[in-house]
C-alpha cells in the first residue's frame, strides 16, 4: 500500500537540500531553523567548513548557521535515506557556446534517485530550460529509483517577464 502524503506537511519530516551554494545554503539554513534538514554537497571541504560554522562564500553568517540547529551537512549520499522531500539547487553552468551543462543536475538526480521512496517529493530549483526536468532529470530519477513519476507545474513569475512555469516531480 502506498504511503499517504501526510509526511509532506509533517514538520518532523527531514528535507534534503541538494547543493549548498548561493541558493541551497540559505534555503537549508532557513529550513534548518524550523525542521530537520540534510544539507548535501559533493564537496567534502564545503561540508567540513559548514559543520564548524564557517561559510567561505558568505552566503550566510555564523550566527545564522548556529541558529539552524536542525541542519546537518553531509557529503554522504546515505544521509539522504530518511528524507522524503528533496530540493535540488545545483548549478547549471553554460559553456562557451551558451549551452547549459546539465552534468551537475544529472548527477544530483542520480544521487536523489538512489534515496527515493514511493510518495517522496522532488523539487527542482536549479535554473533549467522548459522541458528539462521532464526530459532529462525524470528519466534519471526513474532509472535509479525504480519508481515512476507524476509531473505537476506551479506558476512562477519573474519581474519583467510573463508568468513562467516551474516543474516539480512527485514520486
Protein backbone atom coordinates (compact mmCIF):
# COMPACT_ATOMS: atom_id res chain seq x y z
CA UNK A 1 0.00 0.00 0.00
CA UNK A 2 1.48 3.39 -0.97
CA UNK A 3 2.15 5.84 1.85
CA UNK A 4 -0.12 8.79 2.44
CA UNK A 5 1.12 12.26 1.57
CA UNK A 6 0.88 13.40 5.22
CA UNK A 7 4.67 13.22 5.50
CA UNK A 8 4.92 16.14 3.08
CA UNK A 9 3.38 18.53 5.60
CA UNK A 10 4.74 16.92 8.76
CA UNK A 11 7.29 19.33 10.29
CA UNK A 12 9.36 16.40 11.54
CA UNK A 13 9.87 15.03 8.03
CA UNK A 14 13.50 15.64 7.01
CA UNK A 15 14.10 17.80 3.96
CA UNK A 16 17.16 17.32 1.78
CA UNK A 17 18.73 20.35 0.13
CA UNK A 18 21.00 19.14 -2.67
CA UNK A 19 23.79 21.64 -3.35
CA UNK A 20 24.95 24.11 -0.70
CA UNK A 21 25.79 27.09 -2.89
CA UNK A 22 24.20 30.51 -3.24
CA UNK A 23 20.67 29.10 -3.45
CA UNK A 24 20.89 25.91 -1.42
CA UNK A 25 22.74 27.10 1.67
CA UNK A 26 20.41 29.99 2.58
CA UNK A 27 17.44 27.69 1.94
CA UNK A 28 18.93 24.94 4.13
CA UNK A 29 19.70 27.42 6.90
CA UNK A 30 16.18 28.87 6.96
CA UNK A 31 14.50 25.44 6.90
CA UNK A 32 17.06 24.23 9.47
CA UNK A 33 15.83 26.82 11.94
CA UNK A 34 12.42 25.09 11.95
CA UNK A 35 12.75 21.43 10.98
CA UNK A 36 15.22 18.62 10.25
CA UNK A 37 17.32 19.30 7.14
CA UNK A 38 20.13 17.41 5.48
CA UNK A 39 22.26 19.84 3.52
CA UNK A 40 24.03 17.71 0.92
CA UNK A 41 27.02 18.76 -1.14
CA UNK A 42 29.53 16.62 -3.05
CA UNK A 43 32.42 18.83 -1.94
CA UNK A 44 33.71 17.45 1.36
CA UNK A 45 35.68 20.62 2.12
CA UNK A 46 32.48 22.68 1.78
CA UNK A 47 30.64 20.36 4.15
CA UNK A 48 33.54 20.40 6.64
CA UNK A 49 33.62 24.20 6.83
CA UNK A 50 29.86 24.42 7.30
CA UNK A 51 29.97 21.80 10.04
CA UNK A 52 32.25 24.08 12.07
CA UNK A 53 30.04 27.13 11.43
CA UNK A 54 32.07 28.83 8.69
CA UNK A 55 30.82 29.81 5.22
CA UNK A 56 33.69 30.97 3.00
CA UNK A 57 31.23 32.18 0.34
CA UNK A 58 29.47 34.47 2.83
CA UNK A 59 26.02 33.34 1.71
CA UNK A 60 25.10 33.21 5.39
CA UNK A 61 26.51 34.36 8.69
CA UNK A 62 27.99 32.28 11.53
CA UNK A 63 25.03 33.41 13.65
CA UNK A 64 22.50 32.12 11.12
CA UNK A 65 24.40 28.84 10.77
CA UNK A 66 24.32 28.43 14.54
CA UNK A 67 20.59 29.25 14.62
CA UNK A 68 19.90 26.46 12.11
CA UNK A 69 20.03 23.89 14.89
CA UNK A 70 18.17 21.25 12.84
CA UNK A 71 20.61 21.47 9.89
CA UNK A 72 23.09 18.66 9.38
CA UNK A 73 25.50 18.89 6.43
CA UNK A 74 26.87 15.82 4.69
CA UNK A 75 28.61 14.65 1.54
CA UNK A 76 27.48 11.06 2.16
CA UNK A 77 24.50 10.06 -0.04
CA UNK A 78 23.40 7.61 2.68
CA UNK A 79 22.48 10.64 4.83
CA UNK A 80 19.58 11.27 2.42
CA UNK A 81 17.84 7.94 3.11
CA UNK A 82 15.40 9.25 5.73
CA UNK A 83 14.42 12.35 3.75
CA UNK A 84 11.05 12.50 1.99
CA UNK A 85 11.37 15.93 0.35
CA UNK A 86 14.32 16.77 -1.92
CA UNK A 87 15.06 20.27 -3.16
CA UNK A 88 17.71 20.32 -5.88
CA UNK A 89 19.70 23.57 -6.05
CA UNK A 90 22.78 22.65 -8.06
CA UNK A 91 24.33 25.00 -10.63
CA UNK A 92 23.64 24.78 -14.35
CA UNK A 93 26.65 26.48 -15.92
CA UNK A 94 26.81 27.28 -19.62
CA UNK A 95 29.66 26.51 -21.99
CA UNK A 96 31.31 28.90 -24.46
CA UNK A 97 28.51 28.23 -26.97
CA UNK A 98 25.94 29.20 -24.30
CA UNK A 99 24.66 25.61 -23.97
CA UNK A 100 23.72 24.50 -20.45
CA UNK A 101 25.95 21.92 -18.80
CA UNK A 102 23.43 19.59 -17.20
CA UNK A 103 26.02 17.25 -15.66
CA UNK A 104 25.63 18.66 -12.11
CA UNK A 105 21.84 18.29 -12.41
CA UNK A 106 22.08 14.77 -13.82
CA UNK A 107 24.49 13.71 -11.04
CA UNK A 108 22.19 15.26 -8.44
CA UNK A 109 19.25 13.36 -9.97
CA UNK A 110 21.23 10.10 -9.70
CA UNK A 111 22.01 10.80 -6.05
CA UNK A 112 18.41 11.68 -5.20
CA UNK A 113 17.08 8.72 -7.20
CA UNK A 114 19.08 6.31 -5.04
CA UNK A 115 17.25 7.59 -1.94
CA UNK A 116 13.71 7.99 -3.35
CA UNK A 117 10.79 6.09 -1.90
CA UNK A 118 7.15 6.00 -3.02
CA UNK A 119 5.40 9.26 -2.11
CA UNK A 120 8.58 11.36 -1.97
CA UNK A 121 8.65 14.84 -3.47
CA UNK A 122 11.44 16.23 -5.66
CA UNK A 123 11.55 19.96 -6.35
CA UNK A 124 13.97 21.32 -8.92
CA UNK A 125 15.10 24.85 -8.06
CA UNK A 126 18.05 24.77 -10.45
CA UNK A 127 17.79 27.07 -13.44
CA UNK A 128 16.72 24.91 -16.37
CA UNK A 129 15.09 25.34 -19.74
CA UNK A 130 11.45 24.29 -20.34
CA UNK A 131 11.11 20.53 -20.50
CA UNK A 132 14.47 19.80 -18.86
CA UNK A 133 13.03 18.36 -15.67
CA UNK A 134 10.68 16.02 -17.51
CA UNK A 135 13.00 15.09 -20.38
CA UNK A 136 16.41 14.97 -18.68
CA UNK A 137 16.00 14.60 -14.91
CA UNK A 138 12.89 12.44 -14.55
CA UNK A 139 14.30 9.53 -16.61
CA UNK A 140 17.40 9.52 -14.39
CA UNK A 141 15.27 9.57 -11.24
CA UNK A 142 13.15 6.73 -12.62
CA UNK A 143 16.16 4.64 -13.65
CA UNK A 144 17.98 5.00 -10.34
CA UNK A 145 14.91 4.68 -8.08
CA UNK A 146 12.84 2.12 -9.99
CA UNK A 147 9.82 4.39 -9.49
CA UNK A 148 7.62 6.22 -11.97
CA UNK A 149 6.81 9.90 -11.66
CA UNK A 150 3.92 12.31 -11.88
CA UNK A 151 4.75 15.81 -13.10
CA UNK A 152 2.93 18.90 -11.94
CA UNK A 153 3.62 22.56 -12.51
CA UNK A 154 3.26 25.64 -10.41
CA UNK A 155 3.36 29.16 -11.72
CA UNK A 156 6.50 31.13 -11.11
CA UNK A 157 6.82 34.76 -12.00
CA UNK A 158 9.92 36.78 -12.68
CA UNK A 159 9.87 40.57 -12.61
CA UNK A 160 9.65 41.93 -16.14
CA UNK A 161 8.70 38.59 -17.68
CA UNK A 162 5.36 36.87 -18.25
CA UNK A 163 4.43 34.11 -15.82
CA UNK A 164 6.72 31.14 -16.27
CA UNK A 165 6.13 27.55 -15.22
CA UNK A 166 8.32 25.71 -12.80
CA UNK A 167 8.15 21.98 -12.93
CA UNK A 168 8.20 19.77 -9.88
CA UNK A 169 8.09 16.00 -9.71
CA UNK A 170 6.34 13.82 -7.16
CA UNK A 171 7.43 10.19 -6.80
